[in-house]
Amino acid sequence: YERWLMTQRGMRYTSNSKDGSWTLKERWDFSWAEQGSEDIPAVLEVALKVTEKPKATLIGYSQGTAALWYGMVKKQSYFATRVNRVIFLASCLS
């Protein structure tokens, strides 16, 4: 099994600004909704392409569960065709 870990935007390892020119406001100007509708699908696309698998199992933890729920609601058909199982741990939504 392969495991792919995703971190949220703004962390030093996720910077798209190679020259470090982002301000703190620019680095942290995003929401967990954007993580669910943009970031998770982007990581999922790369993982599926690299592994050459048709679907993946996703595991969300804490804030990741909120982002994943949002993404799955907003992009139902996208996730339905690429995800076979979702596991939510320490969900921050009830």
N, C-alpha and C. Protein backbone atom coordinates (compact mmCIF):
# COMPACT_ATOMS: atom_id res chain seq x y z
N TYR A 1 0.82 -1.18 0.00
CA TYR A 1 0.00 0.00 0.00
C TYR A 1 0.87 1.25 0.00
N GLU A 2 0.43 2.24 -0.73
CA GLU A 2 1.10 3.53 -0.70
C GLU A 2 0.29 4.47 0.17
N ARG A 3 0.98 5.38 0.84
CA ARG A 3 0.32 6.38 1.65
C ARG A 3 0.77 7.75 1.18
N TRP A 4 -0.18 8.62 0.98
CA TRP A 4 0.10 9.99 0.58
C TRP A 4 -0.43 10.89 1.68
N LEU A 5 0.41 11.77 2.19
CA LEU A 5 0.00 12.69 3.24
C LEU A 5 -0.10 14.09 2.67
N MET A 6 -1.13 14.78 3.09
CA MET A 6 -1.35 16.14 2.60
C MET A 6 -1.33 17.09 3.79
N THR A 7 -0.68 18.22 3.65
CA THR A 7 -0.72 19.25 4.67
C THR A 7 -1.48 20.45 4.11
N GLN A 8 -1.90 21.32 4.97
CA GLN A 8 -2.69 22.46 4.49
C GLN A 8 -1.80 23.53 3.88
N ARG A 9 -2.43 24.41 3.13
CA ARG A 9 -1.70 25.54 2.55
C ARG A 9 -1.11 26.39 3.65
N GLY A 10 -0.12 27.17 3.28
CA GLY A 10 0.48 28.09 4.22
C GLY A 10 1.70 27.55 4.93
N MET A 11 1.82 26.24 5.00
CA MET A 11 2.98 25.64 5.66
C MET A 11 4.21 25.87 4.77
N ARG A 12 5.37 25.87 5.36
CA ARG A 12 6.57 26.18 4.57
C ARG A 12 6.82 25.17 3.46
N TYR A 13 6.33 23.94 3.61
CA TYR A 13 6.55 22.92 2.59
C TYR A 13 5.54 23.01 1.44
N THR A 14 4.54 23.87 1.58
CA THR A 14 3.51 23.96 0.54
C THR A 14 3.56 25.27 -0.22
N SER A 15 4.59 26.04 -0.04
CA SER A 15 4.68 27.35 -0.66
C SER A 15 4.91 27.23 -2.16
N ASN A 16 4.07 27.93 -2.95
CA ASN A 16 4.27 28.01 -4.39
C ASN A 16 5.22 29.15 -4.75
N SER A 17 5.54 29.97 -3.77
CA SER A 17 6.40 31.11 -3.99
C SER A 17 7.84 30.71 -3.68
N LYS A 18 8.56 30.28 -4.71
CA LYS A 18 9.93 29.78 -4.53
C LYS A 18 10.87 30.84 -3.95
N ASP A 19 10.59 32.12 -4.27
CA ASP A 19 11.49 33.16 -3.77
C ASP A 19 11.11 33.66 -2.38
N GLY A 20 10.07 33.08 -1.79
CA GLY A 20 9.67 33.46 -0.43
C GLY A 20 9.03 34.83 -0.33
N SER A 21 8.46 35.31 -1.43
CA SER A 21 7.92 36.67 -1.44
C SER A 21 6.49 36.78 -0.90
N TRP A 22 5.89 35.67 -0.52
CA TRP A 22 4.54 35.75 0.03
C TRP A 22 4.57 36.40 1.41
N THR A 23 3.57 37.24 1.66
CA THR A 23 3.40 37.78 3.00
C THR A 23 2.64 36.74 3.83
N LEU A 24 2.64 36.90 5.14
CA LEU A 24 1.88 35.98 5.99
C LEU A 24 0.41 35.98 5.60
N LYS A 25 -0.15 37.15 5.29
CA LYS A 25 -1.55 37.22 4.90
C LYS A 25 -1.80 36.42 3.63
N GLU A 26 -0.92 36.54 2.64
CA GLU A 26 -1.08 35.78 1.40
C GLU A 26 -0.94 34.28 1.64
N ARG A 27 -0.04 33.88 2.51
CA ARG A 27 0.16 32.45 2.79
C ARG A 27 -1.04 31.83 3.46
N TRP A 28 -1.74 32.59 4.30
CA TRP A 28 -2.83 32.02 5.10
C TRP A 28 -4.20 32.50 4.65
N ASP A 29 -4.32 33.05 3.46
CA ASP A 29 -5.59 33.55 2.96
C ASP A 29 -6.33 32.45 2.18
N PHE A 30 -6.88 31.47 2.92
CA PHE A 30 -7.65 30.39 2.32
C PHE A 30 -8.58 29.83 3.39
N SER A 31 -9.51 29.02 2.96
CA SER A 31 -10.46 28.42 3.91
C SER A 31 -10.42 26.90 3.78
N TRP A 32 -10.98 26.22 4.76
CA TRP A 32 -11.04 24.76 4.68
C TRP A 32 -11.96 24.35 3.53
N ALA A 33 -12.90 25.23 3.14
CA ALA A 33 -13.75 24.94 1.99
C ALA A 33 -12.92 24.85 0.71
N GLU A 34 -11.95 25.75 0.56
CA GLU A 34 -11.05 25.69 -0.59
C GLU A 34 -10.17 24.44 -0.54
N GLN A 35 -9.80 24.03 0.65
CA GLN A 35 -9.03 22.79 0.77
C GLN A 35 -9.84 21.62 0.22
N GLY A 36 -11.13 21.58 0.54
CA GLY A 36 -11.98 20.48 0.10
C GLY A 36 -12.31 20.51 -1.37
N SER A 37 -12.49 21.70 -1.90
CA SER A 37 -12.91 21.79 -3.31
C SER A 37 -11.74 21.94 -4.28
N GLU A 38 -10.57 22.35 -3.80
CA GLU A 38 -9.42 22.55 -4.69
C GLU A 38 -8.21 21.69 -4.32
N ASP A 39 -7.79 21.77 -3.06
CA ASP A 39 -6.53 21.13 -2.65
C ASP A 39 -6.62 19.60 -2.62
N ILE A 40 -7.65 19.07 -1.99
CA ILE A 40 -7.78 17.61 -1.92
C ILE A 40 -7.91 17.01 -3.32
N PRO A 41 -8.76 17.56 -4.19
CA PRO A 41 -8.81 17.02 -5.55
C PRO A 41 -7.47 17.11 -6.29
N ALA A 42 -6.71 18.18 -6.06
CA ALA A 42 -5.41 18.31 -6.73
C ALA A 42 -4.45 17.22 -6.28
N VAL A 43 -4.40 16.97 -4.98
CA VAL A 43 -3.52 15.92 -4.46
C VAL A 43 -4.00 14.55 -4.93
N LEU A 44 -5.31 14.36 -4.93
CA LEU A 44 -5.88 13.08 -5.37
C LEU A 44 -5.53 12.80 -6.83
N GLU A 45 -5.60 13.81 -7.67
CA GLU A 45 -5.25 13.62 -9.09
C GLU A 45 -3.80 13.17 -9.25
N VAL A 46 -2.90 13.80 -8.52
CA VAL A 46 -1.49 13.42 -8.61
C VAL A 46 -1.29 12.00 -8.11
N ALA A 47 -1.88 11.67 -6.97
CA ALA A 47 -1.72 10.33 -6.40
C ALA A 47 -2.24 9.25 -7.35
N LEU A 48 -3.40 9.49 -7.94
CA LEU A 48 -3.97 8.50 -8.86
C LEU A 48 -3.13 8.37 -10.13
N LYS A 49 -2.59 9.47 -10.59
CA LYS A 49 -1.75 9.43 -11.79
C LYS A 49 -0.45 8.67 -11.51
N VAL A 50 0.19 8.97 -10.40
CA VAL A 50 1.46 8.32 -10.07
C VAL A 50 1.27 6.82 -9.81
N THR A 51 0.22 6.48 -9.07
CA THR A 51 0.00 5.07 -8.70
C THR A 51 -0.69 4.27 -9.81
N GLU A 52 -1.24 4.98 -10.78
CA GLU A 52 -1.98 4.36 -11.89
C GLU A 52 -3.17 3.53 -11.38
N LYS A 53 -3.77 3.99 -10.30
CA LYS A 53 -4.96 3.34 -9.74
C LYS A 53 -6.19 4.15 -10.12
N PRO A 54 -7.34 3.49 -10.29
CA PRO A 54 -8.55 4.23 -10.67
C PRO A 54 -9.22 4.96 -9.51
N LYS A 55 -9.04 4.44 -8.29
CA LYS A 55 -9.68 5.03 -7.11
C LYS A 55 -8.76 4.94 -5.90
N ALA A 56 -9.08 5.74 -4.89
CA ALA A 56 -8.28 5.76 -3.66
C ALA A 56 -9.19 5.74 -2.45
N THR A 57 -8.62 5.37 -1.33
CA THR A 57 -9.28 5.50 -0.03
C THR A 57 -8.74 6.75 0.62
N LEU A 58 -9.63 7.61 1.10
CA LEU A 58 -9.22 8.85 1.74
C LEU A 58 -9.47 8.77 3.23
N ILE A 59 -8.55 9.29 4.01
CA ILE A 59 -8.70 9.37 5.45
C ILE A 59 -8.56 10.83 5.85
N GLY A 60 -9.58 11.35 6.50
CA GLY A 60 -9.54 12.72 6.98
C GLY A 60 -9.40 12.73 8.49
N TYR A 61 -8.64 13.70 9.01
CA TYR A 61 -8.46 13.82 10.45
C TYR A 61 -8.73 15.26 10.86
N SER A 62 -9.60 15.45 11.81
CA SER A 62 -9.94 16.74 12.38
C SER A 62 -10.37 17.74 11.29
N GLN A 63 -9.61 18.82 11.09
CA GLN A 63 -9.98 19.81 10.08
C GLN A 63 -10.07 19.20 8.69
N GLY A 64 -9.26 18.18 8.45
CA GLY A 64 -9.32 17.49 7.17
C GLY A 64 -10.67 16.84 6.91
N THR A 65 -11.37 16.45 7.98
CA THR A 65 -12.70 15.87 7.79
C THR A 65 -13.68 16.93 7.29
N ALA A 66 -13.58 18.13 7.85
CA ALA A 66 -14.46 19.22 7.42
C ALA A 66 -14.21 19.57 5.96
N ALA A 67 -12.93 19.66 5.60
CA ALA A 67 -12.59 19.97 4.22
C ALA A 67 -13.08 18.88 3.28
N LEU A 68 -12.89 17.64 3.68
CA LEU A 68 -13.31 16.52 2.84
C LEU A 68 -14.83 16.45 2.70
N TRP A 69 -15.55 16.66 3.79
CA TRP A 69 -17.02 16.69 3.70
C TRP A 69 -17.45 17.77 2.72
N TYR A 70 -16.87 18.96 2.83
CA TYR A 70 -17.23 20.06 1.94
C TYR A 70 -16.96 19.70 0.49
N GLY A 71 -15.77 19.20 0.23
CA GLY A 71 -15.42 18.83 -1.14
C GLY A 71 -16.35 17.76 -1.70
N MET A 72 -16.69 16.77 -0.88
CA MET A 72 -17.56 15.70 -1.35
C MET A 72 -18.97 16.19 -1.63
N VAL A 73 -19.44 17.18 -0.87
CA VAL A 73 -20.77 17.74 -1.11
C VAL A 73 -20.77 18.59 -2.38
N LYS A 74 -19.75 19.41 -2.53
CA LYS A 74 -19.69 20.33 -3.68
C LYS A 74 -19.30 19.65 -4.99
N LYS A 75 -18.56 18.55 -4.92
CA LYS A 75 -18.09 17.86 -6.12
C LYS A 75 -18.43 16.38 -6.03
N GLN A 76 -19.69 16.07 -5.86
CA GLN A 76 -20.12 14.70 -5.64
C GLN A 76 -19.69 13.76 -6.76
N SER A 77 -19.93 14.13 -7.99
CA SER A 77 -19.60 13.23 -9.10
C SER A 77 -18.09 13.05 -9.23
N TYR A 78 -17.31 14.09 -8.94
CA TYR A 78 -15.85 13.99 -9.00
C TYR A 78 -15.36 12.94 -8.01
N PHE A 79 -15.76 13.08 -6.75
CA PHE A 79 -15.30 12.15 -5.72
C PHE A 79 -15.87 10.75 -5.94
N ALA A 80 -17.08 10.65 -6.44
CA ALA A 80 -17.70 9.33 -6.66
C ALA A 80 -16.92 8.50 -7.68
N THR A 81 -16.29 9.16 -8.63
CA THR A 81 -15.55 8.42 -9.66
C THR A 81 -14.10 8.13 -9.27
N ARG A 82 -13.62 8.75 -8.20
CA ARG A 82 -12.20 8.60 -7.84
C ARG A 82 -11.94 8.03 -6.44
N VAL A 83 -13.00 7.89 -5.65
CA VAL A 83 -12.83 7.46 -4.26
C VAL A 83 -13.69 6.24 -4.00
N ASN A 84 -13.09 5.20 -3.43
CA ASN A 84 -13.87 4.00 -3.13
C ASN A 84 -14.29 3.93 -1.67
N ARG A 85 -13.60 4.66 -0.79
CA ARG A 85 -13.92 4.62 0.64
C ARG A 85 -13.39 5.89 1.30
N VAL A 86 -14.10 6.36 2.30
CA VAL A 86 -13.65 7.52 3.07
C VAL A 86 -13.72 7.16 4.55
N ILE A 87 -12.68 7.50 5.27
CA ILE A 87 -12.62 7.24 6.71
C ILE A 87 -12.41 8.59 7.41
N PHE A 88 -13.29 8.90 8.36
CA PHE A 88 -13.18 10.15 9.09
C PHE A 88 -12.74 9.86 10.52
N LEU A 89 -11.65 10.48 10.94
CA LEU A 89 -11.11 10.30 12.30
C LEU A 89 -11.13 11.65 13.02
N ALA A 90 -11.55 11.65 14.26
CA ALA A 90 -11.59 12.87 15.09
C ALA A 90 -12.29 13.99 14.34
N SER A 91 -13.44 13.68 13.78
CA SER A 91 -14.17 14.65 12.98
C SER A 91 -14.53 15.88 13.80
N CYS A 92 -14.33 17.04 13.21
CA CYS A 92 -14.68 18.28 13.91
C CYS A 92 -16.08 18.74 13.53
N LEU A 93 -16.79 17.95 12.77
CA LEU A 93 -18.19 18.22 12.43
C LEU A 93 -19.04 17.15 13.09
N SER A 94 -20.20 17.55 13.53
CA SER A 94 -21.08 16.53 14.13
C SER A 94 -22.45 16.56 13.50
